[in-house]
Amino acid sequence: MKLILKKIWTFLNYPFIAVMLGVFLFVCLLMLPTLRTRYTLQSTESRFTCFSHFGGKVFESSVSLERLSRTPTWQPDTIAPPLPIDQAILLARKALDGIVAEPHLWRRNRVSIEVAGTDLSAFYVVEFRNLTKEEPYPHAETVQIIVLMDGTVVEIRPYKEA
């Protein structure tokens, strides 16, 4: 262990290498906030909610843990998801057709699988982004669609603050 630390210390004594390492670590720290998921997934004790922003309005889709408990479970380390990702994307794309006026102007931005509760209930969040709007996050127009592992697409409704 002492030998390793001595080699690292010798390595860091070269000014150029030390500066470059410092710059690398600084850039990594700056990027840290962007590494988290960009969509808003709120979790309470009984619901998961995603928010969508388009047309100058906010929309939400929400699924309860009780509803999730009636879907097929998924063990991420051992088996493939009960609903293949390509089917989830197709279902979300079909739902997008009924949500926005010009769905061909929207591209898939992200797909994630979220695991909820202790029974390994899982669901997809498929996010689409409007190609005609060039605003950066968090101002970009996005639609987030929840697709359950049984193939159910959760309805998107206008957001109403409580």
N, C-alpha and C. Protein backbone atom coordinates (compact mmCIF):
# COMPACT_ATOMS: atom_id res chain seq x y z
N MET A 1 0.82 -1.20 0.00
CA MET A 1 0.00 0.00 0.00
C MET A 1 0.87 1.26 0.00
N LYS A 2 1.94 1.23 0.82
CA LYS A 2 2.85 2.37 0.89
C LYS A 2 3.49 2.65 -0.46
N LEU A 3 3.84 1.56 -1.15
CA LEU A 3 4.48 1.70 -2.46
C LEU A 3 3.53 2.34 -3.47
N ILE A 4 2.28 1.96 -3.43
CA ILE A 4 1.28 2.53 -4.34
C ILE A 4 1.11 4.02 -4.07
N LEU A 5 0.99 4.39 -2.80
CA LEU A 5 0.83 5.80 -2.45
C LEU A 5 2.07 6.60 -2.85
N LYS A 6 3.25 6.00 -2.69
CA LYS A 6 4.48 6.69 -3.07
C LYS A 6 4.51 6.94 -4.59
N LYS A 7 4.06 5.94 -5.38
CA LYS A 7 4.04 6.09 -6.83
C LYS A 7 3.02 7.16 -7.25
N ILE A 8 1.88 7.18 -6.60
CA ILE A 8 0.87 8.19 -6.92
C ILE A 8 1.42 9.58 -6.58
N TRP A 9 2.08 9.72 -5.44
CA TRP A 9 2.63 11.00 -5.04
C TRP A 9 3.71 11.46 -6.03
N THR A 10 4.55 10.54 -6.45
CA THR A 10 5.59 10.86 -7.43
C THR A 10 4.95 11.30 -8.75
N PHE A 11 3.90 10.60 -9.14
CA PHE A 11 3.18 10.91 -10.37
C PHE A 11 2.59 12.32 -10.30
N LEU A 12 2.02 12.67 -9.16
CA LEU A 12 1.37 13.98 -9.00
C LEU A 12 2.38 15.12 -8.85
N ASN A 13 3.64 14.81 -8.64
CA ASN A 13 4.65 15.86 -8.54
C ASN A 13 4.97 16.49 -9.89
N TYR A 14 4.57 15.89 -10.96
CA TYR A 14 4.74 16.51 -12.27
C TYR A 14 3.64 17.55 -12.43
N PRO A 15 3.97 18.83 -12.56
CA PRO A 15 2.97 19.91 -12.57
C PRO A 15 1.90 19.74 -13.65
N PHE A 16 2.28 19.38 -14.85
CA PHE A 16 1.30 19.26 -15.93
C PHE A 16 0.25 18.19 -15.61
N ILE A 17 0.71 17.06 -15.11
CA ILE A 17 -0.20 15.96 -14.78
C ILE A 17 -1.11 16.36 -13.62
N ALA A 18 -0.55 17.01 -12.63
CA ALA A 18 -1.36 17.44 -11.48
C ALA A 18 -2.43 18.44 -11.92
N VAL A 19 -2.07 19.39 -12.79
CA VAL A 19 -3.04 20.37 -13.28
C VAL A 19 -4.13 19.69 -14.09
N MET A 20 -3.75 18.78 -14.99
CA MET A 20 -4.73 18.09 -15.82
C MET A 20 -5.68 17.23 -14.97
N LEU A 21 -5.14 16.57 -13.96
CA LEU A 21 -5.99 15.80 -13.06
C LEU A 21 -6.96 16.71 -12.32
N GLY A 22 -6.47 17.87 -11.86
CA GLY A 22 -7.34 18.84 -11.20
C GLY A 22 -8.44 19.34 -12.11
N VAL A 23 -8.10 19.63 -13.36
CA VAL A 23 -9.10 20.08 -14.33
C VAL A 23 -10.13 18.98 -14.57
N PHE A 24 -9.66 17.75 -14.71
CA PHE A 24 -10.57 16.62 -14.92
C PHE A 24 -11.55 16.48 -13.75
N LEU A 25 -11.04 16.52 -12.53
CA LEU A 25 -11.91 16.40 -11.35
C LEU A 25 -12.89 17.57 -11.26
N PHE A 26 -12.43 18.78 -11.60
CA PHE A 26 -13.31 19.95 -11.58
C PHE A 26 -14.45 19.78 -12.59
N VAL A 27 -14.13 19.33 -13.79
CA VAL A 27 -15.16 19.13 -14.82
C VAL A 27 -16.13 18.04 -14.37
N CYS A 28 -15.62 16.98 -13.76
CA CYS A 28 -16.50 15.91 -13.26
C CYS A 28 -17.46 16.46 -12.21
N LEU A 29 -16.98 17.30 -11.33
CA LEU A 29 -17.85 17.89 -10.32
C LEU A 29 -18.91 18.81 -10.95
N LEU A 30 -18.52 19.53 -12.00
CA LEU A 30 -19.49 20.38 -12.69
C LEU A 30 -20.57 19.55 -13.37
N MET A 31 -20.22 18.38 -13.88
CA MET A 31 -21.16 17.54 -14.61
C MET A 31 -22.06 16.73 -13.69
N LEU A 32 -21.71 16.62 -12.43
CA LEU A 32 -22.45 15.77 -11.50
C LEU A 32 -23.95 16.03 -11.49
N PRO A 33 -24.42 17.30 -11.44
CA PRO A 33 -25.87 17.52 -11.43
C PRO A 33 -26.57 17.02 -12.68
N THR A 34 -25.89 16.97 -13.81
CA THR A 34 -26.55 16.54 -15.05
C THR A 34 -26.60 15.03 -15.18
N LEU A 35 -25.93 14.31 -14.29
CA LEU A 35 -25.94 12.85 -14.38
C LEU A 35 -27.21 12.25 -13.80
N ARG A 36 -27.93 12.99 -13.02
CA ARG A 36 -29.19 12.46 -12.48
C ARG A 36 -30.24 12.43 -13.58
N THR A 37 -31.30 11.67 -13.39
CA THR A 37 -32.33 11.62 -14.40
C THR A 37 -32.96 12.98 -14.58
N ARG A 38 -33.22 13.33 -15.81
CA ARG A 38 -33.71 14.67 -16.11
C ARG A 38 -35.21 14.80 -15.99
N TYR A 39 -35.92 13.70 -16.03
CA TYR A 39 -37.36 13.84 -15.89
C TYR A 39 -37.71 13.87 -14.42
N THR A 40 -38.87 14.38 -14.14
CA THR A 40 -39.30 14.51 -12.76
C THR A 40 -40.16 13.32 -12.41
N LEU A 41 -39.68 12.50 -11.56
CA LEU A 41 -40.45 11.36 -11.08
C LEU A 41 -40.64 11.57 -9.59
N GLN A 42 -41.87 11.86 -9.22
CA GLN A 42 -42.14 12.08 -7.81
C GLN A 42 -42.67 10.78 -7.22
N SER A 43 -42.17 10.46 -6.08
CA SER A 43 -42.60 9.25 -5.41
C SER A 43 -43.14 9.63 -4.03
N THR A 44 -44.37 9.27 -3.80
CA THR A 44 -44.90 9.39 -2.45
C THR A 44 -45.00 7.96 -1.94
N GLU A 45 -45.61 7.79 -0.81
CA GLU A 45 -45.71 6.43 -0.28
C GLU A 45 -46.63 5.57 -1.14
N SER A 46 -47.52 6.17 -1.92
CA SER A 46 -48.50 5.37 -2.62
C SER A 46 -48.56 5.60 -4.13
N ARG A 47 -47.81 6.57 -4.69
CA ARG A 47 -47.90 6.89 -6.11
C ARG A 47 -46.55 7.27 -6.70
N PHE A 48 -46.42 7.05 -8.01
CA PHE A 48 -45.31 7.57 -8.79
C PHE A 48 -45.92 8.47 -9.85
N THR A 49 -45.38 9.68 -9.99
CA THR A 49 -45.94 10.65 -10.93
C THR A 49 -44.85 11.21 -11.82
N CYS A 50 -45.13 11.27 -13.13
CA CYS A 50 -44.23 11.91 -14.09
C CYS A 50 -44.91 13.17 -14.60
N PHE A 51 -44.11 14.19 -14.87
CA PHE A 51 -44.64 15.45 -15.39
C PHE A 51 -44.15 15.68 -16.81
N SER A 52 -45.07 16.18 -17.65
CA SER A 52 -44.76 16.52 -19.03
C SER A 52 -45.01 18.01 -19.22
N HIS A 53 -44.24 18.61 -20.12
CA HIS A 53 -44.34 20.05 -20.37
C HIS A 53 -44.43 20.26 -21.88
N PHE A 54 -45.60 20.71 -22.35
CA PHE A 54 -45.73 21.05 -23.76
C PHE A 54 -46.95 21.94 -23.96
N GLY A 55 -46.91 22.71 -25.03
CA GLY A 55 -48.01 23.63 -25.32
C GLY A 55 -48.19 24.68 -24.25
N GLY A 56 -47.13 25.00 -23.52
CA GLY A 56 -47.23 26.00 -22.47
C GLY A 56 -47.96 25.52 -21.22
N LYS A 57 -48.21 24.21 -21.12
CA LYS A 57 -48.94 23.66 -19.98
C LYS A 57 -48.14 22.52 -19.36
N VAL A 58 -48.55 22.14 -18.16
CA VAL A 58 -47.94 21.02 -17.45
C VAL A 58 -48.97 19.90 -17.36
N PHE A 59 -48.51 18.68 -17.63
CA PHE A 59 -49.37 17.51 -17.58
C PHE A 59 -48.73 16.49 -16.65
N GLU A 60 -49.54 15.56 -16.15
CA GLU A 60 -49.02 14.53 -15.27
C GLU A 60 -49.60 13.17 -15.63
N SER A 61 -48.82 12.15 -15.35
CA SER A 61 -49.34 10.79 -15.40
C SER A 61 -48.88 10.14 -14.10
N SER A 62 -49.77 9.40 -13.51
CA SER A 62 -49.51 8.89 -12.17
C SER A 62 -50.00 7.46 -12.05
N VAL A 63 -49.24 6.66 -11.34
CA VAL A 63 -49.63 5.26 -11.12
C VAL A 63 -49.45 4.94 -9.64
N SER A 64 -50.42 4.23 -9.09
CA SER A 64 -50.37 3.89 -7.67
C SER A 64 -49.59 2.60 -7.46
N LEU A 65 -49.04 2.46 -6.26
CA LEU A 65 -48.35 1.22 -5.92
C LEU A 65 -49.31 0.04 -5.95
N GLU A 66 -50.56 0.30 -5.61
CA GLU A 66 -51.57 -0.77 -5.64
C GLU A 66 -51.75 -1.26 -7.07
N ARG A 67 -51.82 -0.34 -8.03
CA ARG A 67 -51.96 -0.72 -9.45
C ARG A 67 -50.71 -1.44 -9.93
N LEU A 68 -49.55 -0.95 -9.53
CA LEU A 68 -48.29 -1.59 -9.92
C LEU A 68 -48.19 -3.02 -9.38
N SER A 69 -48.77 -3.26 -8.21
CA SER A 69 -48.69 -4.59 -7.61
C SER A 69 -49.46 -5.63 -8.42
N ARG A 70 -50.34 -5.18 -9.32
CA ARG A 70 -51.09 -6.11 -10.17
C ARG A 70 -50.42 -6.36 -11.51
N THR A 71 -49.21 -5.83 -11.70
CA THR A 71 -48.48 -6.04 -12.95
C THR A 71 -47.41 -7.10 -12.72
N PRO A 72 -46.90 -7.71 -13.78
CA PRO A 72 -45.83 -8.69 -13.61
C PRO A 72 -44.60 -8.07 -12.94
N THR A 73 -43.98 -8.81 -12.05
CA THR A 73 -42.78 -8.31 -11.38
C THR A 73 -41.56 -8.55 -12.26
N TRP A 74 -40.49 -7.86 -11.90
CA TRP A 74 -39.25 -7.98 -12.68
C TRP A 74 -38.07 -8.00 -11.74
N GLN A 75 -37.21 -8.96 -11.91
CA GLN A 75 -35.98 -9.04 -11.14
C GLN A 75 -34.84 -8.64 -12.06
N PRO A 76 -34.36 -7.40 -11.96
CA PRO A 76 -33.40 -6.85 -12.91
C PRO A 76 -32.13 -7.68 -13.10
N ASP A 77 -31.66 -8.34 -12.06
CA ASP A 77 -30.40 -9.06 -12.17
C ASP A 77 -30.52 -10.45 -12.78
N THR A 78 -31.74 -10.95 -12.95
CA THR A 78 -31.86 -12.34 -13.36
C THR A 78 -32.58 -12.56 -14.68
N ILE A 79 -33.61 -11.77 -14.97
CA ILE A 79 -34.41 -12.04 -16.17
C ILE A 79 -34.69 -10.76 -16.95
N ALA A 80 -35.12 -10.95 -18.20
CA ALA A 80 -35.54 -9.82 -19.03
C ALA A 80 -36.87 -9.29 -18.51
N PRO A 81 -37.18 -8.02 -18.78
CA PRO A 81 -38.46 -7.46 -18.33
C PRO A 81 -39.63 -8.22 -18.97
N PRO A 82 -40.75 -8.32 -18.27
CA PRO A 82 -41.92 -9.01 -18.83
C PRO A 82 -42.40 -8.38 -20.14
N LEU A 83 -42.29 -7.07 -20.26
CA LEU A 83 -42.64 -6.37 -21.49
C LEU A 83 -41.34 -5.92 -22.15
N PRO A 84 -41.02 -6.44 -23.33
CA PRO A 84 -39.78 -6.03 -23.99
C PRO A 84 -39.77 -4.53 -24.28
N ILE A 85 -38.58 -3.95 -24.25
CA ILE A 85 -38.44 -2.50 -24.41
C ILE A 85 -39.01 -2.02 -25.74
N ASP A 86 -38.84 -2.80 -26.81
CA ASP A 86 -39.34 -2.34 -28.11
C ASP A 86 -40.86 -2.26 -28.12
N GLN A 87 -41.54 -3.16 -27.41
CA GLN A 87 -43.00 -3.08 -27.32
C GLN A 87 -43.43 -1.88 -26.49
N ALA A 88 -42.69 -1.60 -25.41
CA ALA A 88 -43.01 -0.43 -24.58
C ALA A 88 -42.87 0.85 -25.39
N ILE A 89 -41.83 0.93 -26.22
CA ILE A 89 -41.62 2.12 -27.05
C ILE A 89 -42.73 2.26 -28.07
N LEU A 90 -43.13 1.15 -28.70
CA LEU A 90 -44.23 1.20 -29.67
C LEU A 90 -45.54 1.64 -29.03
N LEU A 91 -45.83 1.12 -27.83
CA LEU A 91 -47.05 1.52 -27.12
C LEU A 91 -47.01 3.01 -26.76
N ALA A 92 -45.85 3.47 -26.32
CA ALA A 92 -45.71 4.90 -25.97
C ALA A 92 -45.85 5.77 -27.21
N ARG A 93 -45.27 5.35 -28.32
CA ARG A 93 -45.36 6.12 -29.57
C ARG A 93 -46.81 6.20 -30.03
N LYS A 94 -47.55 5.11 -29.91
CA LYS A 94 -48.97 5.10 -30.28
C LYS A 94 -49.76 6.05 -29.37
N ALA A 95 -49.43 6.06 -28.08
CA ALA A 95 -50.10 6.97 -27.14
C ALA A 95 -49.76 8.42 -27.47
N LEU A 96 -48.51 8.68 -27.87
CA LEU A 96 -48.10 10.04 -28.22
C LEU A 96 -48.95 10.58 -29.37
N ASP A 97 -49.33 9.70 -30.31
CA ASP A 97 -50.17 10.13 -31.44
C ASP A 97 -51.47 10.77 -30.97
N GLY A 98 -52.01 10.32 -29.84
CA GLY A 98 -53.25 10.87 -29.31
C GLY A 98 -53.05 12.03 -28.36
N ILE A 99 -51.80 12.36 -28.05
CA ILE A 99 -51.52 13.41 -27.06
C ILE A 99 -51.14 14.73 -27.72
N VAL A 100 -50.27 14.67 -28.71
CA VAL A 100 -49.78 15.89 -29.35
C VAL A 100 -50.32 15.98 -30.78
N ALA A 101 -50.37 17.21 -31.29
CA ALA A 101 -50.96 17.46 -32.61
C ALA A 101 -50.11 16.90 -33.75
N GLU A 102 -48.79 17.04 -33.65
CA GLU A 102 -47.90 16.59 -34.72
C GLU A 102 -46.85 15.63 -34.16
N PRO A 103 -47.23 14.38 -33.93
CA PRO A 103 -46.31 13.44 -33.28
C PRO A 103 -45.04 13.16 -34.10
N HIS A 104 -45.07 13.37 -35.40
CA HIS A 104 -43.88 13.14 -36.22
C HIS A 104 -42.77 14.15 -35.92
N LEU A 105 -43.10 15.24 -35.22
CA LEU A 105 -42.10 16.25 -34.85
C LEU A 105 -41.47 15.96 -33.49
N TRP A 106 -41.81 14.83 -32.91
CA TRP A 106 -41.29 14.46 -31.60
C TRP A 106 -40.40 13.24 -31.75
N ARG A 107 -39.24 13.24 -31.06
CA ARG A 107 -38.36 12.09 -31.10
C ARG A 107 -38.22 11.50 -29.69
N ARG A 108 -37.94 10.21 -29.67
CA ARG A 108 -37.72 9.55 -28.38
C ARG A 108 -36.41 10.08 -27.81
N ASN A 109 -36.48 10.56 -26.60
CA ASN A 109 -35.33 11.17 -25.95
C ASN A 109 -34.68 10.22 -24.94
N ARG A 110 -35.51 9.43 -24.26
CA ARG A 110 -34.99 8.58 -23.19
C ARG A 110 -36.01 7.49 -22.86
N VAL A 111 -35.50 6.35 -22.46
CA VAL A 111 -36.34 5.26 -21.96
C VAL A 111 -35.67 4.74 -20.69
N SER A 112 -36.45 4.61 -19.64
CA SER A 112 -35.89 4.06 -18.40
C SER A 112 -36.88 3.07 -17.79
N ILE A 113 -36.35 2.19 -16.99
CA ILE A 113 -37.19 1.28 -16.21
C ILE A 113 -37.06 1.68 -14.76
N GLU A 114 -38.18 1.92 -14.12
CA GLU A 114 -38.21 2.28 -12.71
C GLU A 114 -38.78 1.11 -11.92
N VAL A 115 -38.15 0.77 -10.82
CA VAL A 115 -38.61 -0.31 -9.94
C VAL A 115 -39.21 0.33 -8.71
N ALA A 116 -40.41 -0.14 -8.35
CA ALA A 116 -41.14 0.47 -7.25
C ALA A 116 -41.48 -0.56 -6.19
N GLY A 117 -41.45 -0.13 -4.98
CA GLY A 117 -41.88 -0.98 -3.88
C GLY A 117 -40.93 -2.13 -3.62
N THR A 118 -41.31 -2.97 -2.69
CA THR A 118 -40.45 -4.09 -2.31
C THR A 118 -40.77 -5.35 -3.10
N ASP A 119 -41.87 -5.34 -3.85
CA ASP A 119 -42.24 -6.54 -4.62
C ASP A 119 -41.69 -6.52 -6.04
N LEU A 120 -40.79 -5.58 -6.34
CA LEU A 120 -40.13 -5.47 -7.64
C LEU A 120 -41.11 -5.18 -8.77
N SER A 121 -42.16 -4.43 -8.48
CA SER A 121 -43.03 -3.95 -9.54
C SER A 121 -42.26 -2.90 -10.32
N ALA A 122 -42.32 -2.98 -11.64
CA ALA A 122 -41.53 -2.07 -12.46
C ALA A 122 -42.40 -1.48 -13.57
N PHE A 123 -41.93 -0.37 -14.14
CA PHE A 123 -42.62 0.25 -15.26
C PHE A 123 -41.62 1.03 -16.09
N TYR A 124 -41.97 1.27 -17.34
CA TYR A 124 -41.13 2.08 -18.22
C TYR A 124 -41.57 3.53 -18.16
N VAL A 125 -40.63 4.43 -18.30
CA VAL A 125 -40.91 5.84 -18.57
C VAL A 125 -40.26 6.14 -19.91
N VAL A 126 -41.10 6.44 -20.90
CA VAL A 126 -40.61 6.76 -22.24
C VAL A 126 -40.81 8.25 -22.44
N GLU A 127 -39.72 8.95 -22.71
CA GLU A 127 -39.79 10.40 -22.86
C GLU A 127 -39.56 10.78 -24.32
N PHE A 128 -40.41 11.67 -24.81
CA PHE A 128 -40.28 12.23 -26.15
C PHE A 128 -40.01 13.71 -26.02
N ARG A 129 -39.26 14.24 -26.98
CA ARG A 129 -38.91 15.66 -26.98
C ARG A 129 -39.31 16.27 -28.32
N ASN A 130 -39.86 17.48 -28.26
CA ASN A 130 -40.30 18.19 -29.46
C ASN A 130 -39.08 18.68 -30.23
N LEU A 131 -38.96 18.26 -31.49
CA LEU A 131 -37.80 18.63 -32.31
C LEU A 131 -37.85 20.08 -32.76
N THR A 132 -39.03 20.69 -32.77
CA THR A 132 -39.14 22.07 -33.26
C THR A 132 -38.80 23.09 -32.19
N LYS A 133 -38.69 22.66 -30.96
CA LYS A 133 -38.36 23.55 -29.84
C LYS A 133 -36.92 23.30 -29.43
N GLU A 134 -36.10 24.30 -29.50
CA GLU A 134 -34.67 24.15 -29.22
C GLU A 134 -34.29 24.56 -27.80
N GLU A 135 -35.26 24.78 -26.94
CA GLU A 135 -34.93 25.20 -25.58
C GLU A 135 -34.22 24.08 -24.84
N PRO A 136 -33.23 24.43 -24.05
CA PRO A 136 -32.55 23.41 -23.24
C PRO A 136 -33.41 23.03 -22.03
N TYR A 137 -33.04 21.92 -21.39
CA TYR A 137 -33.70 21.56 -20.14
C TYR A 137 -33.54 22.70 -19.16
N PRO A 138 -34.48 22.98 -18.30
CA PRO A 138 -35.75 22.30 -18.13
C PRO A 138 -36.88 22.91 -18.95
N HIS A 139 -36.57 23.75 -19.93
CA HIS A 139 -37.59 24.46 -20.69
C HIS A 139 -38.03 23.73 -21.95
N ALA A 140 -37.43 22.62 -22.27
CA ALA A 140 -37.78 21.89 -23.48
C ALA A 140 -39.18 21.29 -23.35
N GLU A 141 -39.86 21.17 -24.47
CA GLU A 141 -41.16 20.51 -24.47
C GLU A 141 -40.93 19.00 -24.45
N THR A 142 -41.41 18.36 -23.42
CA THR A 142 -41.25 16.91 -23.27
C THR A 142 -42.56 16.26 -22.90
N VAL A 143 -42.73 15.03 -23.35
CA VAL A 143 -43.86 14.21 -22.95
C VAL A 143 -43.28 12.93 -22.37
N GLN A 144 -43.70 12.61 -21.16
CA GLN A 144 -43.24 11.39 -20.49
C GLN A 144 -44.43 10.46 -20.34
N ILE A 145 -44.27 9.27 -20.87
CA ILE A 145 -45.36 8.29 -20.89
C ILE A 145 -44.96 7.09 -20.05
N ILE A 146 -45.82 6.74 -19.10
CA ILE A 146 -45.59 5.57 -18.26
C ILE A 146 -46.24 4.37 -18.93
N VAL A 147 -45.45 3.31 -19.12
CA VAL A 147 -45.95 2.06 -19.69
C VAL A 147 -45.71 0.97 -18.66
N LEU A 148 -46.79 0.32 -18.21
CA LEU A 148 -46.67 -0.72 -17.20
C LEU A 148 -46.20 -2.02 -17.85
N MET A 149 -45.70 -2.94 -17.05
CA MET A 149 -45.16 -4.20 -17.56
C MET A 149 -46.24 -5.13 -18.12
N ASP A 150 -47.52 -4.79 -17.90
CA ASP A 150 -48.59 -5.58 -18.54
C ASP A 150 -49.04 -4.94 -19.86
N GLY A 151 -48.36 -3.87 -20.30
CA GLY A 151 -48.67 -3.21 -21.57
C GLY A 151 -49.65 -2.06 -21.45
N THR A 152 -50.10 -1.75 -20.25
CA THR A 152 -51.01 -0.63 -20.05
C THR A 152 -50.24 0.68 -20.13
N VAL A 153 -50.80 1.65 -20.87
CA VAL A 153 -50.23 2.99 -20.95
C VAL A 153 -51.03 3.89 -20.01
N VAL A 154 -50.35 4.54 -19.09
CA VAL A 154 -51.01 5.40 -18.10
C VAL A 154 -51.40 6.71 -18.76
N GLU A 155 -52.63 7.12 -18.53
CA GLU A 155 -53.18 8.34 -19.13
C GLU A 155 -52.45 9.59 -18.63
N ILE A 156 -52.29 10.54 -19.54
CA ILE A 156 -51.71 11.84 -19.20
C ILE A 156 -52.84 12.84 -19.05
N ARG A 157 -52.83 13.58 -17.93
CA ARG A 157 -53.89 14.57 -17.65
C ARG A 157 -53.26 15.92 -17.33
N PRO A 158 -54.01 17.00 -17.55
CA PRO A 158 -53.51 18.32 -17.14
C PRO A 158 -53.21 18.31 -15.64
N TYR A 159 -52.11 18.91 -15.27
CA TYR A 159 -51.68 18.95 -13.87
C TYR A 159 -52.50 19.95 -13.09
N LYS A 160 -52.97 19.52 -11.92
CA LYS A 160 -53.71 20.41 -11.03
C LYS A 160 -53.01 20.38 -9.68
N GLU A 161 -52.54 21.56 -9.25
CA GLU A 161 -51.85 21.61 -7.95
C GLU A 161 -52.84 21.37 -6.84
N ALA A 162 -52.36 20.68 -5.81
CA ALA A 162 -53.24 20.37 -4.67
C ALA A 162 -53.33 21.53 -3.72
